[in-house]
Amino acid sequence: MISLVGVLFGYYTASDDHDASRAIVRDDDKPSGTGYDELVVKGIDPVVDLVPVEVLITGRSAEEVKTDPGTDT
């Protein structure tokens, strides 16, 4: 029997890098991402191309994301 398995990636919005780290590393035993806006997608792997995800989350254009000095793409 062959089964197809997909990978879901969760992306969170945060005001800055410190806030983003708090979405994952929790001190209160709550699940990662609790209290943050989240986008769960299948097929947009951050290792391959994160620009489409940032466009979806922020509403900015791909050009804005690519030219943002805070973006490592």
PDB file of N, CA and C in Angstrom:
ATOM      1  N   MET A   1       0.845  -1.176   0.000  1.00  0.00           N
ATOM      2  CA  MET A   1       0.000   0.000   0.000  1.00  0.00           C
ATOM      3  C   MET A   1       0.896   1.247   0.000  1.00  0.00           C
ATOM      4  N   ILE A   2       0.604   2.181  -0.864  1.00  0.00           N
ATOM      5  CA  ILE A   2       1.354   3.435  -0.955  1.00  0.00           C
ATOM      6  C   ILE A   2       0.471   4.555  -0.431  1.00  0.00           C
ATOM      7  N   SER A   3       1.006   5.342   0.457  1.00  0.00           N
ATOM      8  CA  SER A   3       0.289   6.484   1.012  1.00  0.00           C
ATOM      9  C   SER A   3       1.045   7.758   0.675  1.00  0.00           C
ATOM     10  N   LEU A   4       0.300   8.766   0.310  1.00  0.00           N
ATOM     11  CA  LEU A   4       0.905  10.071   0.072  1.00  0.00           C
ATOM     12  C   LEU A   4       0.810  10.890   1.346  1.00  0.00           C
ATOM     13  N   VAL A   5       1.914  11.496   1.724  1.00  0.00           N
ATOM     14  CA  VAL A   5       1.965  12.299   2.936  1.00  0.00           C
ATOM     15  C   VAL A   5       2.401  13.703   2.560  1.00  0.00           C
ATOM     16  N   GLY A   6       1.699  14.690   3.064  1.00  0.00           N
ATOM     17  CA  GLY A   6       2.070  16.074   2.820  1.00  0.00           C
ATOM     18  C   GLY A   6       2.615  16.706   4.082  1.00  0.00           C
ATOM     19  N   VAL A   7       3.339  17.765   3.914  1.00  0.00           N
ATOM     20  CA  VAL A   7       3.903  18.495   5.052  1.00  0.00           C
ATOM     21  C   VAL A   7       3.187  19.833   5.152  1.00  0.00           C
ATOM     22  N   LEU A   8       2.708  20.152   6.335  1.00  0.00           N
ATOM     23  CA  LEU A   8       2.096  21.447   6.576  1.00  0.00           C
ATOM     24  C   LEU A   8       3.113  22.334   7.275  1.00  0.00           C
ATOM     25  N   PHE A   9       3.234  23.568   6.802  1.00  0.00           N
ATOM     26  CA  PHE A   9       4.141  24.543   7.402  1.00  0.00           C
ATOM     27  C   PHE A   9       3.304  25.636   8.048  1.00  0.00           C
ATOM     28  N   GLY A  10       3.612  25.984   9.282  1.00  0.00           N
ATOM     29  CA  GLY A  10       2.915  27.053   9.985  1.00  0.00           C
ATOM     30  C   GLY A  10       3.770  28.297  10.031  1.00  0.00           C
ATOM     31  N   TYR A  11       3.199  29.422   9.647  1.00  0.00           N
ATOM     32  CA  TYR A  11       3.901  30.704   9.662  1.00  0.00           C
ATOM     33  C   TYR A  11       3.149  31.652  10.587  1.00  0.00           C
ATOM     34  N   TYR A  12       3.890  32.441  11.354  1.00  0.00           N
ATOM     35  CA  TYR A  12       3.306  33.341  12.335  1.00  0.00           C
ATOM     36  C   TYR A  12       3.750  34.766  12.060  1.00  0.00           C
ATOM     37  N   THR A  13       2.884  35.714  12.394  1.00  0.00           N
ATOM     38  CA  THR A  13       3.263  37.118  12.281  1.00  0.00           C
ATOM     39  C   THR A  13       3.746  37.611  13.646  1.00  0.00           C
ATOM     40  N   ALA A  14       4.727  38.466  13.628  1.00  0.00           N
ATOM     41  CA  ALA A  14       5.272  39.039  14.860  1.00  0.00           C
ATOM     42  C   ALA A  14       5.792  40.434  14.558  1.00  0.00           C
ATOM     43  N   SER A  15       5.871  41.256  15.595  1.00  0.00           N
ATOM     44  CA  SER A  15       6.294  42.649  15.392  1.00  0.00           C
ATOM     45  C   SER A  15       7.793  42.789  15.176  1.00  0.00           C
ATOM     46  N   ASP A  16       8.582  41.847  15.693  1.00  0.00           N
ATOM     47  CA  ASP A  16      10.034  41.906  15.503  1.00  0.00           C
ATOM     48  C   ASP A  16      10.623  40.513  15.763  1.00  0.00           C
ATOM     49  N   ASP A  17      11.931  40.373  15.635  1.00  0.00           N
ATOM     50  CA  ASP A  17      12.585  39.071  15.799  1.00  0.00           C
ATOM     51  C   ASP A  17      12.398  38.506  17.207  1.00  0.00           C
ATOM     52  N   HIS A  18      12.489  39.359  18.225  1.00  0.00           N
ATOM     53  CA  HIS A  18      12.309  38.892  19.604  1.00  0.00           C
ATOM     54  C   HIS A  18      10.900  38.337  19.804  1.00  0.00           C
ATOM     55  N   ASP A  19       9.904  39.061  19.303  1.00  0.00           N
ATOM     56  CA  ASP A  19       8.522  38.610  19.404  1.00  0.00           C
ATOM     57  C   ASP A  19       8.323  37.303  18.632  1.00  0.00           C
ATOM     58  N   ALA A  20       8.959  37.179  17.483  1.00  0.00           N
ATOM     59  CA  ALA A  20       8.848  35.958  16.683  1.00  0.00           C
ATOM     60  C   ALA A  20       9.393  34.758  17.437  1.00  0.00           C
ATOM     61  N   SER A  21      10.492  34.941  18.143  1.00  0.00           N
ATOM     62  CA  SER A  21      11.054  33.813  18.897  1.00  0.00           C
ATOM     63  C   SER A  21      10.112  33.378  20.013  1.00  0.00           C
ATOM     64  N   ARG A  22       9.332  34.303  20.551  1.00  0.00           N
ATOM     65  CA  ARG A  22       8.371  33.967  21.603  1.00  0.00           C
ATOM     66  C   ARG A  22       7.205  33.132  21.078  1.00  0.00           C
ATOM     67  N   ALA A  23       6.960  33.146  19.767  1.00  0.00           N
ATOM     68  CA  ALA A  23       5.896  32.314  19.190  1.00  0.00           C
ATOM     69  C   ALA A  23       6.270  30.845  19.247  1.00  0.00           C
ATOM     70  N   ILE A  24       7.553  30.556  19.293  1.00  0.00           N
ATOM     71  CA  ILE A  24       8.021  29.173  19.250  1.00  0.00           C
ATOM     72  C   ILE A  24       8.504  28.697  20.616  1.00  0.00           C
ATOM     73  N   VAL A  25       9.297  29.506  21.290  1.00  0.00           N
ATOM     74  CA  VAL A  25       9.852  29.134  22.591  1.00  0.00           C
ATOM     75  C   VAL A  25       8.932  29.719  23.663  1.00  0.00           C
ATOM     76  N   ARG A  26       8.156  28.849  24.289  1.00  0.00           N
ATOM     77  CA  ARG A  26       7.154  29.302  25.254  1.00  0.00           C
ATOM     78  C   ARG A  26       7.581  28.923  26.666  1.00  0.00           C
ATOM     79  N   ASP A  27       7.322  29.817  27.622  1.00  0.00           N
ATOM     80  CA  ASP A  27       7.624  29.554  29.026  1.00  0.00           C
ATOM     81  C   ASP A  27       6.384  29.103  29.801  1.00  0.00           C
ATOM     82  N   ASP A  28       5.217  29.143  29.157  1.00  0.00           N
ATOM     83  CA  ASP A  28       3.969  28.881  29.882  1.00  0.00           C
ATOM     84  C   ASP A  28       3.298  27.564  29.497  1.00  0.00           C
ATOM     85  N   ASP A  29       4.026  26.670  28.857  1.00  0.00           N
ATOM     86  CA  ASP A  29       3.512  25.344  28.459  1.00  0.00           C
ATOM     87  C   ASP A  29       2.344  25.398  27.478  1.00  0.00           C
ATOM     88  N   LYS A  30       2.117  26.530  26.838  1.00  0.00           N
ATOM     89  CA  LYS A  30       1.082  26.619  25.798  1.00  0.00           C
ATOM     90  C   LYS A  30       1.684  26.156  24.481  1.00  0.00           C
ATOM     91  N   PRO A  31       0.842  25.708  23.546  1.00  0.00           N
ATOM     92  CA  PRO A  31       1.371  25.277  22.239  1.00  0.00           C
ATOM     93  C   PRO A  31       2.075  26.416  21.504  1.00  0.00           C
ATOM     94  N   SER A  32       3.067  26.081  20.705  1.00  0.00           N
ATOM     95  CA  SER A  32       3.774  27.075  19.901  1.00  0.00           C
ATOM     96  C   SER A  32       2.781  27.866  19.068  1.00  0.00           C
ATOM     97  N   GLY A  33       2.977  29.158  18.975  1.00  0.00           N
ATOM     98  CA  GLY A  33       2.138  30.011  18.153  1.00  0.00           C
ATOM     99  C   GLY A  33       0.871  30.501  18.818  1.00  0.00           C
ATOM    100  N   THR A  34       0.582  30.082  20.051  1.00  0.00           N
ATOM    101  CA  THR A  34      -0.632  30.518  20.733  1.00  0.00           C
ATOM    102  C   THR A  34      -0.650  32.033  20.851  1.00  0.00           C
ATOM    103  N   GLY A  35      -1.738  32.642  20.407  1.00  0.00           N
ATOM    104  CA  GLY A  35      -1.884  34.085  20.504  1.00  0.00           C
ATOM    105  C   GLY A  35      -1.334  34.857  19.314  1.00  0.00           C
ATOM    106  N   TYR A  36      -0.812  34.175  18.316  1.00  0.00           N
ATOM    107  CA  TYR A  36      -0.266  34.829  17.135  1.00  0.00           C
ATOM    108  C   TYR A  36      -1.124  34.513  15.916  1.00  0.00           C
ATOM    109  N   ASP A  37      -1.193  35.464  14.966  1.00  0.00           N
ATOM    110  CA  ASP A  37      -1.854  35.184  13.696  1.00  0.00           C
ATOM    111  C   ASP A  37      -1.048  34.107  12.992  1.00  0.00           C
ATOM    112  N   GLU A  38      -1.732  33.126  12.412  1.00  0.00           N
ATOM    113  CA  GLU A  38      -1.040  31.997  11.804  1.00  0.00           C
ATOM    114  C   GLU A  38      -1.573  31.722  10.404  1.00  0.00           C
ATOM    115  N   LEU A  39      -0.671  31.326   9.542  1.00  0.00           N
ATOM    116  CA  LEU A  39      -1.014  30.857   8.196  1.00  0.00           C
ATOM    117  C   LEU A  39      -0.420  29.462   8.066  1.00  0.00           C
ATOM    118  N   VAL A  40      -1.275  28.453   7.847  1.00  0.00           N
ATOM    119  CA  VAL A  40      -0.803  27.090   7.661  1.00  0.00           C
ATOM    120  C   VAL A  40      -1.003  26.733   6.199  1.00  0.00           C
ATOM    121  N   VAL A  41       0.075  26.343   5.544  1.00  0.00           N
ATOM    122  CA  VAL A  41       0.014  26.027   4.126  1.00  0.00           C
ATOM    123  C   VAL A  41       0.728  24.710   3.840  1.00  0.00           C
ATOM    124  N   LYS A  42       0.357  24.125   2.747  1.00  0.00           N
ATOM    125  CA  LYS A  42       1.003  22.908   2.274  1.00  0.00           C
ATOM    126  C   LYS A  42       1.726  23.269   0.982  1.00  0.00           C
ATOM    127  N   GLY A  43       2.998  22.930   0.905  1.00  0.00           N
ATOM    128  CA  GLY A  43       3.723  23.108  -0.347  1.00  0.00           C
ATOM    129  C   GLY A  43       4.562  24.364  -0.469  1.00  0.00           C
ATOM    130  N   ILE A  44       4.543  25.254   0.520  1.00  0.00           N
ATOM    131  CA  ILE A  44       5.426  26.422   0.480  1.00  0.00           C
ATOM    132  C   ILE A  44       6.503  26.197   1.537  1.00  0.00           C
ATOM    133  N   ASP A  45       7.579  25.572   1.119  1.00  0.00           N
ATOM    134  CA  ASP A  45       8.668  25.202   2.009  1.00  0.00           C
ATOM    135  C   ASP A  45       9.584  26.401   2.210  1.00  0.00           C
ATOM    136  N   PRO A  46       9.824  26.825   3.451  1.00  0.00           N
ATOM    137  CA  PRO A  46      10.662  28.005   3.675  1.00  0.00           C
ATOM    138  C   PRO A  46      12.089  27.839   3.193  1.00  0.00           C
ATOM    139  N   VAL A  47      12.562  26.612   3.091  1.00  0.00           N
ATOM    140  CA  VAL A  47      13.911  26.386   2.592  1.00  0.00           C
ATOM    141  C   VAL A  47      13.989  26.691   1.106  1.00  0.00           C
ATOM    142  N   VAL A  48      12.888  26.469   0.396  1.00  0.00           N
ATOM    143  CA  VAL A  48      12.862  26.669  -1.053  1.00  0.00           C
ATOM    144  C   VAL A  48      12.586  28.127  -1.406  1.00  0.00           C
ATOM    145  N   ASP A  49      11.520  28.692  -0.862  1.00  0.00           N
ATOM    146  CA  ASP A  49      11.170  30.060  -1.231  1.00  0.00           C
ATOM    147  C   ASP A  49      10.204  30.647  -0.218  1.00  0.00           C
ATOM    148  N   LEU A  50      10.680  31.548   0.609  1.00  0.00           N
ATOM    149  CA  LEU A  50       9.861  32.160   1.643  1.00  0.00           C
ATOM    150  C   LEU A  50       9.135  33.419   1.168  1.00  0.00           C
ATOM    151  N   VAL A  51       9.529  33.981   0.042  1.00  0.00           N
ATOM    152  CA  VAL A  51       8.912  35.225  -0.440  1.00  0.00           C
ATOM    153  C   VAL A  51       7.392  35.084  -0.599  1.00  0.00           C
ATOM    154  N   PRO A  52       6.854  34.019  -1.225  1.00  0.00           N
ATOM    155  CA  PRO A  52       5.388  33.924  -1.342  1.00  0.00           C
ATOM    156  C   PRO A  52       4.672  33.913   0.007  1.00  0.00           C
ATOM    157  N   VAL A  53       5.275  33.309   1.001  1.00  0.00           N
ATOM    158  CA  VAL A  53       4.658  33.278   2.325  1.00  0.00           C
ATOM    159  C   VAL A  53       4.618  34.676   2.924  1.00  0.00           C
ATOM    160  N   GLU A  54       5.726  35.399   2.836  1.00  0.00           N
ATOM    161  CA  GLU A  54       5.748  36.750   3.397  1.00  0.00           C
ATOM    162  C   GLU A  54       4.779  37.662   2.652  1.00  0.00           C
ATOM    163  N   VAL A  55       4.630  37.468   1.350  1.00  0.00           N
ATOM    164  CA  VAL A  55       3.653  38.245   0.576  1.00  0.00           C
ATOM    165  C   VAL A  55       2.243  37.958   1.084  1.00  0.00           C
ATOM    166  N   LEU A  56       1.924  36.679   1.318  1.00  0.00           N
ATOM    167  CA  LEU A  56       0.588  36.305   1.806  1.00  0.00           C
ATOM    168  C   LEU A  56       0.327  36.845   3.207  1.00  0.00           C
ATOM    169  N   ILE A  57       1.317  36.772   4.075  1.00  0.00           N
ATOM    170  CA  ILE A  57       1.129  37.200   5.467  1.00  0.00           C
ATOM    171  C   ILE A  57       1.069  38.713   5.588  1.00  0.00           C
ATOM    172  N   THR A  58       1.969  39.422   4.919  1.00  0.00           N
ATOM    173  CA  THR A  58       2.073  40.871   5.123  1.00  0.00           C
ATOM    174  C   THR A  58       1.211  41.688   4.171  1.00  0.00           C
ATOM    175  N   GLY A  59       0.848  41.098   3.027  1.00  0.00           N
ATOM    176  CA  GLY A  59       0.101  41.860   2.037  1.00  0.00           C
ATOM    177  C   GLY A  59       0.983  42.764   1.189  1.00  0.00           C
ATOM    178  N   ARG A  60       2.306  42.712   1.430  1.00  0.00           N
ATOM    179  CA  ARG A  60       3.221  43.516   0.622  1.00  0.00           C
ATOM    180  C   ARG A  60       3.481  42.813  -0.706  1.00  0.00           C
ATOM    181  N   SER A  61       3.992  43.546  -1.660  1.00  0.00           N
ATOM    182  CA  SER A  61       4.334  42.950  -2.953  1.00  0.00           C
ATOM    183  C   SER A  61       5.635  42.166  -2.825  1.00  0.00           C
ATOM    184  N   ALA A  62       5.879  41.262  -3.754  1.00  0.00           N
ATOM    185  CA  ALA A  62       7.118  40.487  -3.759  1.00  0.00           C
ATOM    186  C   ALA A  62       8.327  41.415  -3.876  1.00  0.00           C
ATOM    187  N   GLU A  63       8.202  42.467  -4.667  1.00  0.00           N
ATOM    188  CA  GLU A  63       9.313  43.418  -4.823  1.00  0.00           C
ATOM    189  C   GLU A  63       9.631  44.105  -3.499  1.00  0.00           C
ATOM    190  N   GLU A  64       8.589  44.509  -2.745  1.00  0.00           N
ATOM    191  CA  GLU A  64       8.811  45.134  -1.437  1.00  0.00           C
ATOM    192  C   GLU A  64       9.537  44.179  -0.491  1.00  0.00           C
ATOM    193  N   VAL A  65       9.117  42.924  -0.493  1.00  0.00           N
ATOM    194  CA  VAL A  65       9.738  41.928   0.381  1.00  0.00           C
ATOM    195  C   VAL A  65      11.194  41.727   0.010  1.00  0.00           C
ATOM    196  N   LYS A  66      11.472  41.609  -1.283  1.00  0.00           N
ATOM    197  CA  LYS A  66      12.840  41.355  -1.733  1.00  0.00           C
ATOM    198  C   LYS A  66      13.777  42.515  -1.443  1.00  0.00           C
ATOM    199  N   THR A  67      13.272  43.742  -1.450  1.00  0.00           N
ATOM    200  CA  THR A  67      14.132  44.915  -1.227  1.00  0.00           C
ATOM    201  C   THR A  67      14.186  45.351   0.224  1.00  0.00           C
ATOM    202  N   ASP A  68      13.442  44.705   1.096  1.00  0.00           N
ATOM    203  CA  ASP A  68      13.437  45.035   2.531  1.00  0.00           C
ATOM    204  C   ASP A  68      14.780  44.605   3.131  1.00  0.00           C
ATOM    205  N   PRO A  69      15.524  45.544   3.739  1.00  0.00           N
ATOM    206  CA  PRO A  69      16.829  45.181   4.304  1.00  0.00           C
ATOM    207  C   PRO A  69      16.737  44.177   5.451  1.00  0.00           C
ATOM    208  N   GLY A  70      15.558  44.026   6.063  1.00  0.00           N
ATOM    209  CA  GLY A  70      15.379  43.075   7.153  1.00  0.00           C
ATOM    210  C   GLY A  70      15.029  41.678   6.679  1.00  0.00           C
ATOM    211  N   THR A  71      14.923  41.483   5.364  1.00  0.00           N
ATOM    212  CA  THR A  71      14.551  40.205   4.797  1.00  0.00           C
ATOM    213  C   THR A  71      15.785  39.514   4.253  1.00  0.00           C
ATOM    214  N   ASP A  72      16.013  38.286   4.642  1.00  0.00           N
ATOM    215  CA  ASP A  72      17.171  37.523   4.187  1.00  0.00           C
ATOM    216  C   ASP A  72      16.809  36.630   3.009  1.00  0.00           C
ATOM    217  N   THR A  73      16.282  37.196   1.930  1.00  0.00           N
ATOM    218  CA  THR A  73      15.927  36.392   0.760  1.00  0.00           C
ATOM    219  C   THR A  73      16.771  36.773  -0.416  1.00  0.00           C
TER     220      THR A  73
END
